[in-house]
Amino acid sequence: MSTALVTGATAGIGREFAVQLATQGDDLVLVARDTARLDALAAELTAAHGVAVEVISADLSDRTALERVAERLRDPARPVDLLVNNAGYGLGSAFVDTTVEDEERLLDVLVRAVLVLSHAAAGAMVARGSGRIINVSSVAGFITSGTYSAAKSWVTVFTESLAGQLGPKGVHATVLCPGFVRTEFHERAGIDKGEQSGPFWLDPTDLVAQALADSERGRVVSVPSPQYKALVGVLRHVPRALLRNPRVTSAHRKNR
């Protein structure tokens, strides 16, 4: 029986990872800020699937709390076979309208926590000669949209680099790049995205199933759904000047 550690486990994509991993019989270490929701989810998964569930209440923007999670990943007596770095959030305001403290906290969660936890897990996994890491990025990493977009671009490139370094040592790294997903992410960030319907809104169940399958196959970049695969293919070839200023594209279209 294997053990998976999932950050941001109480809602959205993270919760779906926890549910699907428990369904397939994996023991879990669940990490999030909300202790009550963590305990409720742990009790639910244990009752439904008979797996062992450990909870760690931690704000990953806090370095002391982050180190507690990293120590759990390093523990040789309780090996973690799969790390899912999923914790994250967005800011609903423009860069100049956001405090620098809020921007720094965002980077601490989206970048520093991914780096620290990946380092802790990779070291332990390499020593055993096996293990997997899934880092949740975003299609937003292929465009230019503030700190969130820049952070997700870092996660994608970082994970691709991990895959190259760790693969020969028996450890596989996969980066998941979803687009819009039907979760509470946008609501929490104060971003109005309407009814969350249409072809570019993804179901978290299908998305996580695809991510786990891609990870097990050793795929490095997992982009769920044909529509987002096509979009990412286009974005990789769009001139950066257009991505930096979408209004140029609109003006170009009007003048044709």
C-alpha atoms as a PDB file:
ATOM      1  CA  MET A   1       0.000   0.000   0.000  1.00  0.00           C
ATOM      2  CA  SER A   2       1.362   3.417  -0.948  1.00  0.00           C
ATOM      3  CA  THR A   3       1.013   6.817   0.731  1.00  0.00           C
ATOM      4  CA  ALA A   4       0.255  10.133  -0.971  1.00  0.00           C
ATOM      5  CA  LEU A   5       0.625  13.627   0.478  1.00  0.00           C
ATOM      6  CA  VAL A   6      -1.736  16.226  -0.994  1.00  0.00           C
ATOM      7  CA  THR A   7      -1.573  19.955  -0.248  1.00  0.00           C
ATOM      8  CA  GLY A   8      -4.648  22.152  -0.543  1.00  0.00           C
ATOM      9  CA  ALA A   9      -6.647  18.985   0.069  1.00  0.00           C
ATOM     10  CA  THR A  10      -9.944  20.292   1.408  1.00  0.00           C
ATOM     11  CA  ALA A  11     -11.421  21.796  -1.756  1.00  0.00           C
ATOM     12  CA  GLY A  12     -11.431  21.662  -5.533  1.00  0.00           C
ATOM     13  CA  ILE A  13      -8.699  19.789  -7.353  1.00  0.00           C
ATOM     14  CA  GLY A  14      -6.897  18.874  -4.125  1.00  0.00           C
ATOM     15  CA  ARG A  15      -9.979  17.274  -2.611  1.00  0.00           C
ATOM     16  CA  GLU A  16     -10.577  15.338  -5.810  1.00  0.00           C
ATOM     17  CA  PHE A  17      -6.999  14.017  -5.707  1.00  0.00           C
ATOM     18  CA  ALA A  18      -7.614  12.878  -2.113  1.00  0.00           C
ATOM     19  CA  VAL A  19     -10.876  11.154  -3.024  1.00  0.00           C
ATOM     20  CA  GLN A  20      -9.498   9.332  -6.063  1.00  0.00           C
ATOM     21  CA  LEU A  21      -6.316   8.248  -4.297  1.00  0.00           C
ATOM     22  CA  ALA A  22      -8.315   6.939  -1.331  1.00  0.00           C
ATOM     23  CA  THR A  23     -10.657   5.128  -3.719  1.00  0.00           C
ATOM     24  CA  GLN A  24      -7.716   3.243  -5.194  1.00  0.00           C
ATOM     25  CA  GLY A  25      -6.550   2.293  -1.693  1.00  0.00           C
ATOM     26  CA  ASP A  26      -3.758   4.765  -0.983  1.00  0.00           C
ATOM     27  CA  ASP A  27      -3.140   6.017   2.538  1.00  0.00           C
ATOM     28  CA  LEU A  28      -3.096   9.798   2.727  1.00  0.00           C
ATOM     29  CA  VAL A  29      -1.419  12.766   4.359  1.00  0.00           C
ATOM     30  CA  LEU A  30      -3.710  15.746   3.829  1.00  0.00           C
ATOM     31  CA  VAL A  31      -2.431  19.310   4.201  1.00  0.00           C
ATOM     32  CA  ALA A  32      -4.527  22.493   4.354  1.00  0.00           C
ATOM     33  CA  ARG A  33      -5.181  25.506   6.560  1.00  0.00           C
ATOM     34  CA  ASP A  34      -8.695  24.616   7.732  1.00  0.00           C
ATOM     35  CA  THR A  35      -8.398  22.023  10.518  1.00  0.00           C
ATOM     36  CA  ALA A  36     -12.141  21.377  10.755  1.00  0.00           C
ATOM     37  CA  ARG A  37     -12.456  20.645   7.033  1.00  0.00           C
ATOM     38  CA  LEU A  38      -9.337  18.473   7.135  1.00  0.00           C
ATOM     39  CA  ASP A  39     -10.717  16.384   9.988  1.00  0.00           C
ATOM     40  CA  ALA A  40     -14.098  16.023   8.291  1.00  0.00           C
ATOM     41  CA  LEU A  41     -12.531  14.889   5.022  1.00  0.00           C
ATOM     42  CA  ALA A  42     -10.220  12.452   6.821  1.00  0.00           C
ATOM     43  CA  ALA A  43     -13.162  10.873   8.647  1.00  0.00           C
ATOM     44  CA  GLU A  44     -15.162  10.658   5.405  1.00  0.00           C
ATOM     45  CA  LEU A  45     -12.374   8.951   3.439  1.00  0.00           C
ATOM     46  CA  THR A  46     -11.479   6.547   6.219  1.00  0.00           C
ATOM     47  CA  ALA A  47     -15.099   5.485   6.629  1.00  0.00           C
ATOM     48  CA  ALA A  48     -15.696   5.115   2.898  1.00  0.00           C
ATOM     49  CA  HIS A  49     -12.451   3.423   1.853  1.00  0.00           C
ATOM     50  CA  GLY A  50     -10.754   2.068   4.972  1.00  0.00           C
ATOM     51  CA  VAL A  51      -7.521   3.977   4.358  1.00  0.00           C
ATOM     52  CA  ALA A  52      -5.321   5.633   6.960  1.00  0.00           C
ATOM     53  CA  VAL A  53      -5.522   9.416   6.767  1.00  0.00           C
ATOM     54  CA  GLU A  54      -3.136  11.756   8.573  1.00  0.00           C
ATOM     55  CA  VAL A  55      -3.849  15.495   8.653  1.00  0.00           C
ATOM     56  CA  ILE A  56      -1.429  18.401   8.913  1.00  0.00           C
ATOM     57  CA  SER A  57      -2.950  21.830   9.444  1.00  0.00           C
ATOM     58  CA  ALA A  58      -0.540  24.286   7.872  1.00  0.00           C
ATOM     59  CA  ASP A  59      -0.501  27.655   6.142  1.00  0.00           C
ATOM     60  CA  LEU A  60       2.167  27.099   3.493  1.00  0.00           C
ATOM     61  CA  SER A  61       2.995  30.807   3.343  1.00  0.00           C
ATOM     62  CA  ASP A  62       4.357  30.413   6.886  1.00  0.00           C
ATOM     63  CA  ARG A  63       7.904  29.054   6.789  1.00  0.00           C
ATOM     64  CA  THR A  64       7.667  27.234  10.110  1.00  0.00           C
ATOM     65  CA  ALA A  65       4.456  25.478   9.075  1.00  0.00           C
ATOM     66  CA  LEU A  66       5.924  24.660   5.668  1.00  0.00           C
ATOM     67  CA  GLU A  67       8.953  23.069   7.314  1.00  0.00           C
ATOM     68  CA  ARG A  68       6.678  20.748   9.318  1.00  0.00           C
ATOM     69  CA  VAL A  69       5.260  19.415   6.066  1.00  0.00           C
ATOM     70  CA  ALA A  70       8.741  19.093   4.557  1.00  0.00           C
ATOM     71  CA  GLU A  71       9.909  17.094   7.589  1.00  0.00           C
ATOM     72  CA  ARG A  72       7.001  14.709   7.094  1.00  0.00           C
ATOM     73  CA  LEU A  73       8.135  14.144   3.503  1.00  0.00           C
ATOM     74  CA  ARG A  74      11.716  13.494   4.607  1.00  0.00           C
ATOM     75  CA  ASP A  75      10.772  10.954   7.298  1.00  0.00           C
ATOM     76  CA  PRO A  76      12.378   7.641   6.247  1.00  0.00           C
ATOM     77  CA  ALA A  77      10.231   5.665   8.682  1.00  0.00           C
ATOM     78  CA  ARG A  78       6.995   6.830   7.002  1.00  0.00           C
ATOM     79  CA  PRO A  79       7.746   7.108   3.281  1.00  0.00           C
ATOM     80  CA  VAL A  80       5.543   9.171   0.979  1.00  0.00           C
ATOM     81  CA  ASP A  81       5.277   7.608  -2.480  1.00  0.00           C
ATOM     82  CA  LEU A  82       3.404  10.441  -4.201  1.00  0.00           C
ATOM     83  CA  LEU A  83       3.523  14.181  -3.519  1.00  0.00           C
ATOM     84  CA  VAL A  84       0.773  16.339  -4.998  1.00  0.00           C
ATOM     85  CA  ASN A  85       1.674  20.035  -4.734  1.00  0.00           C
ATOM     86  CA  ASN A  86      -1.780  21.478  -5.312  1.00  0.00           C
ATOM     87  CA  ALA A  87      -2.209  24.291  -2.752  1.00  0.00           C
ATOM     88  CA  GLY A  88      -2.800  27.645  -4.340  1.00  0.00           C
ATOM     89  CA  TYR A  89      -5.090  30.608  -4.777  1.00  0.00           C
ATOM     90  CA  GLY A  90      -5.467  33.729  -6.879  1.00  0.00           C
ATOM     91  CA  LEU A  91      -5.697  37.459  -6.245  1.00  0.00           C
ATOM     92  CA  GLY A  92      -8.692  39.280  -7.615  1.00  0.00           C
ATOM     93  CA  SER A  93      -6.971  42.640  -8.130  1.00  0.00           C
ATOM     94  CA  ALA A  94      -4.361  44.111 -10.450  1.00  0.00           C
ATOM     95  CA  PHE A  95      -0.708  44.173  -9.381  1.00  0.00           C
ATOM     96  CA  VAL A  96      -0.598  47.870  -8.447  1.00  0.00           C
ATOM     97  CA  ASP A  97      -3.876  47.539  -6.529  1.00  0.00           C
ATOM     98  CA  THR A  98      -2.569  44.669  -4.386  1.00  0.00           C
ATOM     99  CA  THR A  99      -0.301  45.097  -1.376  1.00  0.00           C
ATOM    100  CA  VAL A 100       3.223  43.804  -1.784  1.00  0.00           C
ATOM    101  CA  GLU A 101       2.647  41.648   1.308  1.00  0.00           C
ATOM    102  CA  ASP A 102      -0.231  39.862  -0.448  1.00  0.00           C
ATOM    103  CA  GLU A 103       1.887  39.391  -3.566  1.00  0.00           C
ATOM    104  CA  GLU A 104       4.697  37.909  -1.465  1.00  0.00           C
ATOM    105  CA  ARG A 105       2.339  35.512   0.307  1.00  0.00           C
ATOM    106  CA  LEU A 106       1.060  34.362  -3.078  1.00  0.00           C
ATOM    107  CA  LEU A 107       4.597  33.605  -4.240  1.00  0.00           C
ATOM    108  CA  ASP A 108       5.335  31.814  -0.972  1.00  0.00           C
ATOM    109  CA  VAL A 109       2.455  29.395  -1.614  1.00  0.00           C
ATOM    110  CA  LEU A 110       2.680  29.034  -5.401  1.00  0.00           C
ATOM    111  CA  VAL A 111       6.485  28.956  -5.734  1.00  0.00           C
ATOM    112  CA  ARG A 112       8.434  28.619  -2.512  1.00  0.00           C
ATOM    113  CA  ALA A 113       6.214  25.867  -1.061  1.00  0.00           C
ATOM    114  CA  VAL A 114       6.439  23.882  -4.304  1.00  0.00           C
ATOM    115  CA  LEU A 115      10.222  24.212  -4.303  1.00  0.00           C
ATOM    116  CA  VAL A 116      10.674  23.274  -0.633  1.00  0.00           C
ATOM    117  CA  LEU A 117       8.274  20.325  -0.664  1.00  0.00           C
ATOM    118  CA  SER A 118       9.546  19.016  -3.999  1.00  0.00           C
ATOM    119  CA  HIS A 119      13.104  19.144  -2.636  1.00  0.00           C
ATOM    120  CA  ALA A 120      12.117  17.272   0.527  1.00  0.00           C
ATOM    121  CA  ALA A 121      10.184  14.623  -1.361  1.00  0.00           C
ATOM    122  CA  ALA A 122      12.738  14.198  -4.141  1.00  0.00           C
ATOM    123  CA  GLY A 123      15.578  13.640  -1.699  1.00  0.00           C
ATOM    124  CA  ALA A 124      13.691  10.897   0.123  1.00  0.00           C
ATOM    125  CA  MET A 125      12.424   9.329  -3.103  1.00  0.00           C
ATOM    126  CA  VAL A 126      15.847   9.263  -4.783  1.00  0.00           C
ATOM    127  CA  ALA A 127      17.269   7.548  -1.699  1.00  0.00           C
ATOM    128  CA  ARG A 128      14.613   4.801  -2.136  1.00  0.00           C
ATOM    129  CA  GLY A 129      14.880   4.738  -5.922  1.00  0.00           C
ATOM    130  CA  SER A 130      11.170   5.336  -6.515  1.00  0.00           C
ATOM    131  CA  GLY A 131       8.401   7.907  -6.153  1.00  0.00           C
ATOM    132  CA  ARG A 132       6.266  10.401  -8.020  1.00  0.00           C
ATOM    133  CA  ILE A 133       5.654  14.148  -7.806  1.00  0.00           C
ATOM    134  CA  ILE A 134       2.690  15.959  -9.357  1.00  0.00           C
ATOM    135  CA  ASN A 135       2.880  19.754  -9.338  1.00  0.00           C
ATOM    136  CA  VAL A 136      -0.333  21.566 -10.225  1.00  0.00           C
ATOM    137  CA  SER A 137       0.354  24.456 -12.591  1.00  0.00           C
ATOM    138  CA  SER A 138      -2.080  26.094 -15.019  1.00  0.00           C
ATOM    139  CA  VAL A 139      -2.659  27.005 -18.633  1.00  0.00           C
ATOM    140  CA  ALA A 140      -2.290  30.537 -17.234  1.00  0.00           C
ATOM    141  CA  GLY A 141       1.441  29.843 -17.149  1.00  0.00           C
ATOM    142  CA  PHE A 142       1.520  30.075 -20.942  1.00  0.00           C
ATOM    143  CA  ILE A 143       0.104  33.616 -21.013  1.00  0.00           C
ATOM    144  CA  THR A 144       0.934  36.925 -19.276  1.00  0.00           C
ATOM    145  CA  SER A 145      -1.491  37.605 -16.461  1.00  0.00           C
ATOM    146  CA  GLY A 146       0.211  38.973 -13.382  1.00  0.00           C
ATOM    147  CA  THR A 147       1.989  37.224 -10.547  1.00  0.00           C
ATOM    148  CA  TYR A 148      -0.229  34.137 -10.699  1.00  0.00           C
ATOM    149  CA  SER A 149       0.591  33.547 -14.351  1.00  0.00           C
ATOM    150  CA  ALA A 150       4.308  34.095 -13.752  1.00  0.00           C
ATOM    151  CA  ALA A 151       4.320  31.740 -10.770  1.00  0.00           C
ATOM    152  CA  LYS A 152       2.584  28.989 -12.743  1.00  0.00           C
ATOM    153  CA  SER A 153       5.066  29.414 -15.587  1.00  0.00           C
ATOM    154  CA  TRP A 154       7.810  28.800 -13.019  1.00  0.00           C
ATOM    155  CA  VAL A 155       6.044  25.671 -11.733  1.00  0.00           C
ATOM    156  CA  THR A 156       5.817  24.238 -15.249  1.00  0.00           C
ATOM    157  CA  VAL A 157       9.475  24.822 -16.145  1.00  0.00           C
ATOM    158  CA  PHE A 158      10.643  23.731 -12.688  1.00  0.00           C
ATOM    159  CA  THR A 159       8.760  20.439 -12.963  1.00  0.00           C
ATOM    160  CA  GLU A 160      10.065  19.773 -16.454  1.00  0.00           C
ATOM    161  CA  SER A 161      13.557  20.261 -15.063  1.00  0.00           C
ATOM    162  CA  LEU A 162      12.818  17.901 -12.155  1.00  0.00           C
ATOM    163  CA  ALA A 163      11.609  15.259 -14.580  1.00  0.00           C
ATOM    164  CA  GLY A 164      14.894  15.361 -16.465  1.00  0.00           C
ATOM    165  CA  GLN A 165      17.010  15.225 -13.332  1.00  0.00           C
ATOM    166  CA  LEU A 166      15.025  12.651 -11.361  1.00  0.00           C
ATOM    167  CA  GLY A 167      13.821  10.297 -14.094  1.00  0.00           C
ATOM    168  CA  PRO A 168      17.106   8.367 -14.373  1.00  0.00           C
ATOM    169  CA  LYS A 169      16.954   7.846 -10.592  1.00  0.00           C
ATOM    170  CA  GLY A 170      13.541   6.205 -10.615  1.00  0.00           C
ATOM    171  CA  VAL A 171      11.499   9.267  -9.591  1.00  0.00           C
ATOM    172  CA  HIS A 172       8.902  10.708 -11.983  1.00  0.00           C
ATOM    173  CA  ALA A 173       7.703  14.331 -12.030  1.00  0.00           C
ATOM    174  CA  THR A 174       4.552  15.498 -13.807  1.00  0.00           C
ATOM    175  CA  VAL A 175       3.158  19.011 -14.118  1.00  0.00           C
ATOM    176  CA  LEU A 176      -0.620  19.338 -14.435  1.00  0.00           C
ATOM    177  CA  CYS A 177      -1.758  22.352 -16.488  1.00  0.00           C
ATOM    178  CA  PRO A 178      -5.539  22.737 -16.277  1.00  0.00           C
ATOM    179  CA  GLY A 179      -7.600  25.612 -17.562  1.00  0.00           C
ATOM    180  CA  PHE A 180     -10.909  26.668 -16.012  1.00  0.00           C
ATOM    181  CA  VAL A 181     -12.144  24.043 -13.538  1.00  0.00           C
ATOM    182  CA  ARG A 182     -15.516  23.884 -11.778  1.00  0.00           C
ATOM    183  CA  THR A 183     -14.305  24.550  -8.229  1.00  0.00           C
ATOM    184  CA  GLU A 184     -14.550  27.369  -5.683  1.00  0.00           C
ATOM    185  CA  PHE A 185     -11.179  28.799  -6.820  1.00  0.00           C
ATOM    186  CA  HIS A 186     -12.538  31.834  -8.667  1.00  0.00           C
ATOM    187  CA  GLU A 187     -15.163  32.576  -6.026  1.00  0.00           C
ATOM    188  CA  ARG A 188     -12.510  32.602  -3.288  1.00  0.00           C
ATOM    189  CA  ALA A 189     -10.366  34.963  -5.349  1.00  0.00           C
ATOM    190  CA  GLY A 190     -13.291  37.303  -5.970  1.00  0.00           C
ATOM    191  CA  ILE A 191     -13.153  36.662  -9.720  1.00  0.00           C
ATOM    192  CA  ASP A 192     -16.520  36.516 -11.490  1.00  0.00           C
ATOM    193  CA  LYS A 193     -16.452  33.834 -14.187  1.00  0.00           C
ATOM    194  CA  GLY A 194     -20.209  33.482 -14.603  1.00  0.00           C
ATOM    195  CA  GLU A 195     -21.955  30.126 -14.559  1.00  0.00           C
ATOM    196  CA  GLN A 196     -18.852  27.963 -15.098  1.00  0.00           C
ATOM    197  CA  SER A 197     -20.371  26.295 -18.145  1.00  0.00           C
ATOM    198  CA  GLY A 198     -19.211  25.683 -21.683  1.00  0.00           C
ATOM    199  CA  PRO A 199     -16.490  23.634 -23.393  1.00  0.00           C
ATOM    200  CA  PHE A 200     -13.592  25.306 -21.597  1.00  0.00           C
ATOM    201  CA  TRP A 201     -14.881  24.502 -18.117  1.00  0.00           C
ATOM    202  CA  LEU A 202     -13.493  21.184 -16.898  1.00  0.00           C
ATOM    203  CA  ASP A 203     -14.857  18.729 -14.376  1.00  0.00           C
ATOM    204  CA  PRO A 204     -12.349  18.081 -11.557  1.00  0.00           C
ATOM    205  CA  THR A 205     -13.125  14.351 -11.539  1.00  0.00           C
ATOM    206  CA  ASP A 206     -12.063  13.844 -15.151  1.00  0.00           C
ATOM    207  CA  LEU A 207      -9.123  16.227 -14.775  1.00  0.00           C
ATOM    208  CA  VAL A 208      -7.635  14.397 -11.781  1.00  0.00           C
ATOM    209  CA  ALA A 209      -8.198  10.973 -13.327  1.00  0.00           C
ATOM    210  CA  GLN A 210      -6.257  12.124 -16.398  1.00  0.00           C
ATOM    211  CA  ALA A 211      -3.480  13.616 -14.262  1.00  0.00           C
ATOM    212  CA  LEU A 212      -3.032  10.414 -12.264  1.00  0.00           C
ATOM    213  CA  ALA A 213      -3.001   8.325 -15.437  1.00  0.00           C
ATOM    214  CA  ASP A 214      -0.420  10.622 -17.043  1.00  0.00           C
ATOM    215  CA  SER A 215       1.738  10.492 -13.915  1.00  0.00           C
ATOM    216  CA  GLU A 216       1.631   6.704 -13.812  1.00  0.00           C
ATOM    217  CA  ARG A 217       2.658   6.585 -17.478  1.00  0.00           C
ATOM    218  CA  GLY A 218       5.585   8.918 -16.791  1.00  0.00           C
ATOM    219  CA  ARG A 219       4.201  11.805 -18.844  1.00  0.00           C
ATOM    220  CA  VAL A 220       5.940  15.069 -17.922  1.00  0.00           C
ATOM    221  CA  VAL A 221       3.317  17.643 -18.969  1.00  0.00           C
ATOM    222  CA  SER A 222      -0.349  16.783 -18.441  1.00  0.00           C
ATOM    223  CA  VAL A 223      -2.811  19.096 -20.186  1.00  0.00           C
ATOM    224  CA  PRO A 224      -6.342  17.742 -19.690  1.00  0.00           C
ATOM    225  CA  SER A 225      -8.936  17.850 -22.463  1.00  0.00           C
ATOM    226  CA  PRO A 226      -8.486  18.178 -26.240  1.00  0.00           C
ATOM    227  CA  GLN A 227      -9.533  21.840 -26.207  1.00  0.00           C
ATOM    228  CA  TYR A 228      -6.782  22.875 -23.808  1.00  0.00           C
ATOM    229  CA  LYS A 229      -4.194  20.728 -25.571  1.00  0.00           C
ATOM    230  CA  ALA A 230      -5.038  22.646 -28.746  1.00  0.00           C
ATOM    231  CA  LEU A 231      -4.959  26.000 -26.925  1.00  0.00           C
ATOM    232  CA  VAL A 232      -1.566  25.320 -25.370  1.00  0.00           C
ATOM    233  CA  GLY A 233      -0.248  24.253 -28.766  1.00  0.00           C
ATOM    234  CA  VAL A 234      -1.317  27.602 -30.184  1.00  0.00           C
ATOM    235  CA  LEU A 235      -0.001  29.622 -27.238  1.00  0.00           C
ATOM    236  CA  ARG A 236       3.445  28.066 -27.583  1.00  0.00           C
ATOM    237  CA  HIS A 237       3.709  29.632 -31.053  1.00  0.00           C
ATOM    238  CA  VAL A 238       1.951  32.979 -30.581  1.00  0.00           C
ATOM    239  CA  PRO A 239       4.392  35.938 -30.726  1.00  0.00           C
ATOM    240  CA  ARG A 240       5.178  37.114 -27.201  1.00  0.00           C
ATOM    241  CA  ALA A 241       4.283  40.690 -28.149  1.00  0.00           C
ATOM    242  CA  LEU A 242       0.678  39.605 -28.675  1.00  0.00           C
ATOM    243  CA  LEU A 243       0.563  37.741 -25.366  1.00  0.00           C
ATOM    244  CA  ARG A 244       1.950  40.755 -23.539  1.00  0.00           C
ATOM    245  CA  ASN A 245      -0.720  43.048 -24.956  1.00  0.00           C
ATOM    246  CA  PRO A 246      -3.924  41.264 -26.052  1.00  0.00           C
ATOM    247  CA  ARG A 247      -5.329  44.605 -27.215  1.00  0.00           C
ATOM    248  CA  VAL A 248      -2.828  44.499 -30.072  1.00  0.00           C
ATOM    249  CA  THR A 249      -4.520  41.337 -31.283  1.00  0.00           C
ATOM    250  CA  SER A 250      -7.969  42.944 -31.063  1.00  0.00           C
ATOM    251  CA  ALA A 251      -6.799  46.057 -32.971  1.00  0.00           C
ATOM    252  CA  HIS A 252      -5.154  43.899 -35.584  1.00  0.00           C
ATOM    253  CA  ARG A 253      -8.398  41.994 -36.124  1.00  0.00           C
ATOM    254  CA  LYS A 254     -10.435  45.224 -36.400  1.00  0.00           C
ATOM    255  CA  ASN A 255      -8.060  46.626 -39.037  1.00  0.00           C
ATOM    256  CA  ARG A 256      -8.114  43.564 -41.267  1.00  0.00           C
END
